[in-house]
Amino acid sequence: MKKNHFALSATVIGCTLMLLSAACQRTDDIFPNTQNAFRGMYQPVNAVVQMRHDLHEEGVEASIDSLTFFDRWSWSSDRRLAQVEFDYTGTYYYSNSPRIDNYYYNSNGRLDSICYSLGTDGNYLRTYRFAYSGGLLSRISFPFGQNGNRTYTTDFLYRNGEEYPYAIVFTHPLQEWLYDIYHTDTLVKQWTLEWENGNLVRATADSMAWYTSGLSHIEYFYDNHPNPFQGYFSSQLIGKEGFIDDPTCLCRNNMVRRVNYHYDRRNDSTTTSESTWSYEYLPNGLPANFTAVYPTMYWTEITDKITLTYDPHGGMGEE
């Protein structure tokens, strides 16, 4: 198989119906001992049970009326995230079948798989599987394409003795009609990562990444408050290579600003685009709500205010 190295935070298009089960459980030999996304454990002290989205888009070319929708989070009695129902009332996605992520764990309590479905009939559209090496998350993989005959992978690369990866690699086999465009049958897209105090502060693309995305690097900035989503993975984030656009699930604190650096080799110039997040906090330091403002490719600006509801009992699971 021939492979070229590209880098891009791009949306993976398409969804193939796959009837997959989460019965196959993998184990590893090291128990998680800290709240760390790369150890596959998500057990926050304060559990989110609902997210309210107040969404508005405005711009020269288009705008949408403000709308509100809700995500519902369910936790098991052993303090693990069991299920997230996105827009469970069908307000935003205009469907009576909510998008659902179901979570499954291995015998050591690490996240083993996320099963994505539409509706509650138990038929999964896709299963995202997690693998570990030396106690750290090494790969997330999922089937794609007709009959699931291609496997997309996200790999995390570590240096000896470090608990945060120095690189993330996206590997995507291509459909045949794309071979001539990319001159390969498989895209291997890598970003080099820099960390500070448990937060991703810079992602740098290699030369082929610039060719594909036009981005030379991205910089991230954070507050000093605890992040209630550290360790929370979603099917949507994995499927669209969202770790580069939104590394929230990987980081200790809450992101307040992201700056993309767009490099144009034709005239050796760099331009930037910026997205921002603002927060209101509870007395315990956790976000009560936050507002994200970011530009789109259609010269519009989306504002999404997200209000968080935590378990009023301060714990997780059933009473």
Protein backbone atom coordinates (compact mmCIF):
# COMPACT_ATOMS: atom_id res chain seq x y z
CA MET A 1 0.00 0.00 0.00
CA LYS A 2 1.46 3.34 -0.95
CA LYS A 3 1.11 6.16 1.54
CA ASN A 4 1.77 9.90 1.55
CA HIS A 5 1.78 12.11 4.63
CA PHE A 6 -0.90 14.77 4.74
CA ALA A 7 -2.38 16.72 7.65
CA LEU A 8 -5.83 18.18 7.86
CA SER A 9 -8.55 18.70 10.40
CA ALA A 10 -11.34 17.84 7.98
CA THR A 11 -14.87 16.57 8.28
CA VAL A 12 -15.23 12.94 7.31
CA ILE A 13 -18.19 12.79 4.94
CA GLY A 14 -20.71 10.00 4.82
CA CYS A 15 -22.13 7.41 7.15
CA THR A 16 -22.45 3.73 6.29
CA LEU A 17 -24.92 1.54 8.11
CA MET A 18 -23.05 -1.11 10.08
CA LEU A 19 -24.69 -3.45 12.56
CA LEU A 20 -21.94 -3.75 15.12
CA SER A 21 -22.03 -4.87 18.73
CA ALA A 22 -19.86 -3.93 21.66
CA ALA A 23 -19.64 -7.46 22.98
CA CYS A 24 -15.94 -7.74 22.19
CA GLN A 25 -14.07 -6.26 25.16
CA ARG A 26 -10.31 -5.68 25.19
CA THR A 27 -8.21 -5.44 28.33
CA ASP A 28 -4.89 -3.92 29.28
CA ASP A 29 -2.66 -4.56 32.25
CA ILE A 30 -2.39 -1.13 33.84
CA PHE A 31 -5.17 0.40 35.91
CA PRO A 32 -5.92 4.13 35.40
CA ASN A 33 -4.99 6.14 38.48
CA THR A 34 -5.55 9.77 37.44
CA GLN A 35 -8.14 11.84 35.59
CA ASN A 36 -6.37 11.93 32.24
CA ALA A 37 -7.89 11.65 28.78
CA PHE A 38 -5.05 9.44 27.58
CA ARG A 39 -5.68 6.89 30.32
CA GLY A 40 -9.18 6.26 29.04
CA MET A 41 -10.99 7.17 32.22
CA TYR A 42 -13.70 9.82 32.48
CA GLN A 43 -14.97 10.12 36.06
CA PRO A 44 -15.38 13.81 36.89
CA VAL A 45 -16.32 14.72 40.45
CA ASN A 46 -19.25 16.73 39.11
CA ALA A 47 -21.20 14.98 36.38
CA VAL A 48 -22.85 16.90 33.55
CA VAL A 49 -26.42 15.66 33.09
CA GLN A 50 -27.67 18.18 30.51
CA MET A 51 -26.31 20.67 27.98
CA ARG A 52 -28.57 23.41 26.68
CA HIS A 53 -27.56 24.98 23.35
CA ASP A 54 -28.79 28.45 22.37
CA LEU A 55 -27.57 28.77 18.78
CA HIS A 56 -27.51 31.71 16.37
CA GLU A 57 -25.78 32.32 13.03
CA GLU A 58 -25.38 35.73 11.45
CA GLY A 59 -23.51 37.05 8.43
CA VAL A 60 -23.57 38.80 5.09
CA GLU A 61 -24.58 35.75 3.10
CA ALA A 62 -26.97 33.99 5.48
CA SER A 63 -28.43 33.86 8.95
CA ILE A 64 -30.64 31.57 11.01
CA ASP A 65 -33.20 32.29 13.65
CA SER A 66 -32.08 31.56 17.17
CA LEU A 67 -32.98 28.07 18.33
CA THR A 68 -32.55 25.99 21.47
CA PHE A 69 -31.85 22.28 21.81
CA PHE A 70 -30.67 19.92 24.56
CA ASP A 71 -28.22 17.05 25.02
CA ARG A 72 -28.95 14.52 27.79
CA TRP A 73 -26.18 12.64 29.63
CA SER A 74 -26.72 9.40 31.55
CA TRP A 75 -24.34 7.86 34.07
CA SER A 76 -24.08 4.32 35.42
CA SER A 77 -24.15 3.39 39.09
CA ASP A 78 -20.37 2.78 39.01
CA ARG A 79 -19.74 6.44 38.12
CA ARG A 80 -19.07 6.03 34.39
CA LEU A 81 -20.62 7.82 31.43
CA ALA A 82 -23.14 5.43 29.91
CA GLN A 83 -24.95 7.40 27.21
CA VAL A 84 -25.28 10.83 25.60
CA GLU A 85 -28.39 11.72 23.57
CA PHE A 86 -27.75 14.69 21.30
CA ASP A 87 -30.72 16.96 20.62
CA TYR A 88 -33.06 14.36 22.09
CA THR A 89 -36.14 16.48 21.34
CA GLY A 90 -35.33 16.73 17.61
CA THR A 91 -35.20 20.52 17.55
CA TYR A 92 -31.88 21.06 15.78
CA TYR A 93 -31.39 17.93 13.68
CA TYR A 94 -35.06 17.87 12.64
CA SER A 95 -35.43 14.19 13.39
CA ASN A 96 -37.53 12.14 15.77
CA SER A 97 -34.53 9.83 16.20
CA PRO A 98 -31.86 11.39 18.43
CA ARG A 99 -28.18 10.80 17.77
CA ILE A 100 -26.91 8.60 20.59
CA ASP A 101 -23.46 7.63 21.86
CA ASN A 102 -23.34 4.52 24.08
CA TYR A 103 -20.18 3.89 26.13
CA TYR A 104 -18.56 0.54 27.01
CA TYR A 105 -15.54 -0.21 29.20
CA ASN A 106 -12.96 -2.96 29.55
CA SER A 107 -12.23 -4.93 32.72
CA ASN A 108 -9.77 -2.29 33.93
CA GLY A 109 -12.37 0.44 33.68
CA ARG A 110 -10.96 2.11 30.60
CA LEU A 111 -13.11 3.28 27.72
CA ASP A 112 -13.26 0.37 25.27
CA SER A 113 -15.73 1.55 22.62
CA ILE A 114 -18.32 4.15 21.68
CA CYS A 115 -21.29 2.87 19.72
CA TYR A 116 -23.09 5.51 17.67
CA SER A 117 -26.72 5.11 16.62
CA LEU A 118 -29.75 7.01 15.41
CA GLY A 119 -32.71 6.28 17.64
CA THR A 120 -33.08 3.74 20.41
CA ASP A 121 -33.63 0.51 18.45
CA GLY A 122 -30.21 -0.85 19.42
CA ASN A 123 -28.80 -0.95 15.87
CA TYR A 124 -25.45 0.80 15.76
CA LEU A 125 -24.34 2.79 12.76
CA ARG A 126 -20.70 2.70 13.75
CA THR A 127 -18.45 1.52 16.58
CA TYR A 128 -15.34 3.44 17.58
CA ARG A 129 -12.80 1.19 19.30
CA PHE A 130 -10.06 2.27 21.72
CA ALA A 131 -6.69 0.55 22.18
CA TYR A 132 -4.00 1.15 24.83
CA SER A 133 -0.28 0.55 25.15
CA GLY A 134 1.67 0.94 28.38
CA GLY A 135 -1.45 2.31 30.06
CA LEU A 136 -1.96 5.14 27.57
CA LEU A 137 -4.39 5.56 24.70
CA SER A 138 -2.58 4.52 21.52
CA ARG A 139 -5.28 4.21 18.84
CA ILE A 140 -8.92 4.86 18.03
CA SER A 141 -10.26 3.02 14.98
CA PHE A 142 -13.57 2.72 13.16
CA PRO A 143 -14.84 1.17 9.89
CA PHE A 144 -15.82 3.38 7.00
CA GLY A 145 -16.89 3.08 3.38
CA GLN A 146 -19.20 0.64 1.64
CA ASN A 147 -19.65 -2.46 3.80
CA GLY A 148 -17.11 -1.03 6.24
CA ASN A 149 -14.24 -2.18 4.05
CA ARG A 150 -11.91 0.66 5.06
CA THR A 151 -10.60 1.34 8.55
CA TYR A 152 -9.86 4.87 9.69
CA THR A 153 -7.42 5.24 12.58
CA THR A 154 -6.25 7.97 14.92
CA ASP A 155 -2.88 7.20 16.53
CA PHE A 156 -1.27 8.93 19.51
CA LEU A 157 2.54 8.84 19.62
CA TYR A 158 4.51 9.19 22.88
CA ARG A 159 8.09 9.63 23.95
CA ASN A 160 9.38 7.38 26.73
CA GLY A 161 8.23 8.49 30.15
CA GLU A 162 5.79 11.13 28.92
CA GLU A 163 2.03 10.95 29.50
CA TYR A 164 1.01 13.36 26.74
CA PRO A 165 1.55 12.50 23.06
CA TYR A 166 4.02 14.44 20.94
CA ALA A 167 2.02 13.73 17.76
CA ILE A 168 -1.38 12.68 16.51
CA VAL A 169 -1.72 10.80 13.21
CA PHE A 170 -4.89 10.38 11.15
CA THR A 171 -4.80 7.52 8.62
CA HIS A 172 -7.60 7.35 6.04
CA PRO A 173 -7.74 4.89 3.13
CA LEU A 174 -9.28 6.64 0.14
CA GLN A 175 -11.94 5.79 -2.37
CA GLU A 176 -10.46 4.94 -5.77
CA TRP A 177 -11.75 8.09 -7.45
CA LEU A 178 -9.54 10.13 -5.09
CA TYR A 179 -6.30 8.31 -5.92
CA ASP A 180 -5.38 10.63 -8.81
CA ILE A 181 -6.17 13.74 -6.78
CA TYR A 182 -3.91 12.84 -3.87
CA HIS A 183 -1.52 10.51 -5.74
CA THR A 184 -1.93 7.87 -3.07
CA ASP A 185 -4.47 5.33 -1.86
CA THR A 186 -4.10 6.33 1.80
CA LEU A 187 -3.78 9.71 3.48
CA VAL A 188 -1.54 9.77 6.55
CA LYS A 189 -2.01 13.13 8.25
CA GLN A 190 0.18 14.12 11.17
CA TRP A 191 0.25 17.03 13.62
CA THR A 192 3.07 17.66 16.12
CA LEU A 193 1.73 18.62 19.55
CA GLU A 194 3.10 20.86 22.30
CA TRP A 195 1.73 20.72 25.86
CA GLU A 196 1.90 23.02 28.86
CA ASN A 197 0.42 22.29 32.29
CA GLY A 198 -1.81 19.56 30.86
CA ASN A 199 -3.12 21.68 27.98
CA LEU A 200 -2.43 21.50 24.25
CA VAL A 201 -0.94 24.89 23.37
CA ARG A 202 0.23 24.34 19.79
CA ALA A 203 -0.36 21.89 16.93
CA THR A 204 2.06 22.12 13.99
CA ALA A 205 1.39 20.54 10.61
CA ASP A 206 4.13 19.15 8.41
CA SER A 207 4.70 20.34 4.83
CA MET A 208 2.08 18.02 3.36
CA ALA A 209 -0.39 19.24 5.95
CA TRP A 210 -0.02 22.74 4.61
CA TYR A 211 -0.65 21.39 1.11
CA THR A 212 -3.91 19.82 2.21
CA SER A 213 -5.25 22.29 4.76
CA GLY A 214 -3.39 25.55 4.20
CA LEU A 215 -2.66 25.65 7.95
CA SER A 216 0.90 25.91 9.18
CA HIS A 217 -0.02 25.66 12.85
CA ILE A 218 -2.71 26.34 15.46
CA GLU A 219 -2.33 27.95 18.87
CA TYR A 220 -4.65 27.41 21.86
CA PHE A 221 -5.22 29.47 25.03
CA TYR A 222 -6.95 28.48 28.31
CA ASP A 223 -8.40 29.75 31.57
CA ASN A 224 -7.24 28.45 34.96
CA HIS A 225 -10.50 26.68 35.86
CA PRO A 226 -11.16 22.91 35.86
CA ASN A 227 -12.48 21.48 32.62
CA PRO A 228 -15.54 19.23 33.22
CA PHE A 229 -15.00 17.54 29.82
CA GLN A 230 -11.42 16.32 30.21
CA GLY A 231 -11.54 12.68 29.10
CA TYR A 232 -14.92 12.95 27.36
CA PHE A 233 -14.77 11.50 23.82
CA SER A 234 -17.65 11.65 21.35
CA SER A 235 -18.29 9.85 18.07
CA GLN A 236 -18.71 13.15 16.24
CA LEU A 237 -15.36 14.46 17.46
CA ILE A 238 -13.53 11.29 16.41
CA GLY A 239 -15.27 11.00 13.05
CA LYS A 240 -14.38 14.51 11.91
CA GLU A 241 -10.79 14.54 13.25
CA GLY A 242 -11.96 17.08 15.78
CA PHE A 243 -9.03 16.72 18.18
CA ILE A 244 -7.18 19.45 16.29
CA ASP A 245 -10.11 21.85 15.94
CA ASP A 246 -11.36 21.29 19.48
CA PRO A 247 -8.96 19.55 21.90
CA THR A 248 -11.26 20.21 24.88
CA CYS A 249 -11.57 16.53 25.77
CA LEU A 250 -7.78 16.22 26.03
CA CYS A 251 -7.03 19.23 28.24
CA ARG A 252 -7.05 20.13 31.92
CA ASN A 253 -8.50 23.65 31.61
CA ASN A 254 -11.12 25.35 29.45
CA MET A 255 -10.13 26.77 26.06
CA VAL A 256 -10.76 30.51 25.67
CA ARG A 257 -9.17 31.18 22.28
CA ARG A 258 -7.94 29.33 19.20
CA VAL A 259 -5.86 30.98 16.46
CA ASN A 260 -5.43 29.28 13.06
CA TYR A 261 -2.41 30.32 10.99
CA HIS A 262 -3.08 30.09 7.24
CA TYR A 263 0.10 30.10 5.16
CA ASP A 264 0.12 31.04 1.47
CA ARG A 265 3.34 29.88 -0.16
CA ARG A 266 2.59 31.77 -3.38
CA ASN A 267 3.32 35.11 -1.76
CA ASP A 268 4.97 33.87 1.45
CA SER A 269 2.27 35.40 3.63
CA THR A 270 0.37 34.26 6.71
CA THR A 271 -3.13 35.23 7.77
CA THR A 272 -5.02 34.22 10.89
CA SER A 273 -8.56 33.34 11.88
CA GLU A 274 -9.71 33.25 15.46
CA SER A 275 -12.41 31.55 17.55
CA THR A 276 -13.20 32.53 21.13
CA TRP A 277 -14.99 31.08 24.16
CA SER A 278 -16.21 33.04 27.19
CA TYR A 279 -17.31 31.51 30.52
CA GLU A 280 -19.39 32.15 33.59
CA TYR A 281 -18.34 30.07 36.58
CA LEU A 282 -19.96 28.43 39.57
CA PRO A 283 -18.56 29.00 43.11
CA ASN A 284 -16.62 25.71 42.80
CA GLY A 285 -14.83 27.01 39.70
CA LEU A 286 -16.60 24.85 37.13
CA PRO A 287 -18.21 26.53 34.11
CA ALA A 288 -21.91 27.29 34.57
CA ASN A 289 -22.16 28.23 30.91
CA PHE A 290 -19.90 29.20 28.06
CA THR A 291 -20.34 30.94 24.74
CA ALA A 292 -18.44 29.95 21.62
CA VAL A 293 -18.09 32.35 18.69
CA TYR A 294 -16.46 31.11 15.51
CA PRO A 295 -16.45 31.97 11.81
CA THR A 296 -17.69 29.66 9.06
CA MET A 297 -16.54 29.20 5.48
CA TYR A 298 -19.68 31.02 4.30
CA TRP A 299 -18.72 34.41 5.80
CA THR A 300 -21.05 33.97 8.72
CA GLU A 301 -20.42 33.82 12.45
CA ILE A 302 -21.98 31.22 14.72
CA THR A 303 -22.66 31.94 18.38
CA ASP A 304 -23.44 28.94 20.57
CA LYS A 305 -24.21 29.52 24.25
CA ILE A 306 -24.05 26.26 26.20
CA THR A 307 -25.54 26.05 29.67
CA LEU A 308 -24.45 23.10 31.81
CA THR A 309 -26.57 21.26 34.36
CA TYR A 310 -24.63 19.10 36.81
CA ASP A 311 -25.86 16.28 39.01
CA PRO A 312 -27.48 18.18 41.90
CA HIS A 313 -26.32 15.49 44.33
CA GLY A 314 -22.68 16.10 43.45
CA GLY A 315 -22.07 12.50 42.45
CA MET A 316 -22.76 10.24 39.53
CA GLY A 317 -25.02 7.35 38.86
CA GLU A 318 -28.35 6.32 40.24
CA GLU A 319 -29.42 7.04 43.76
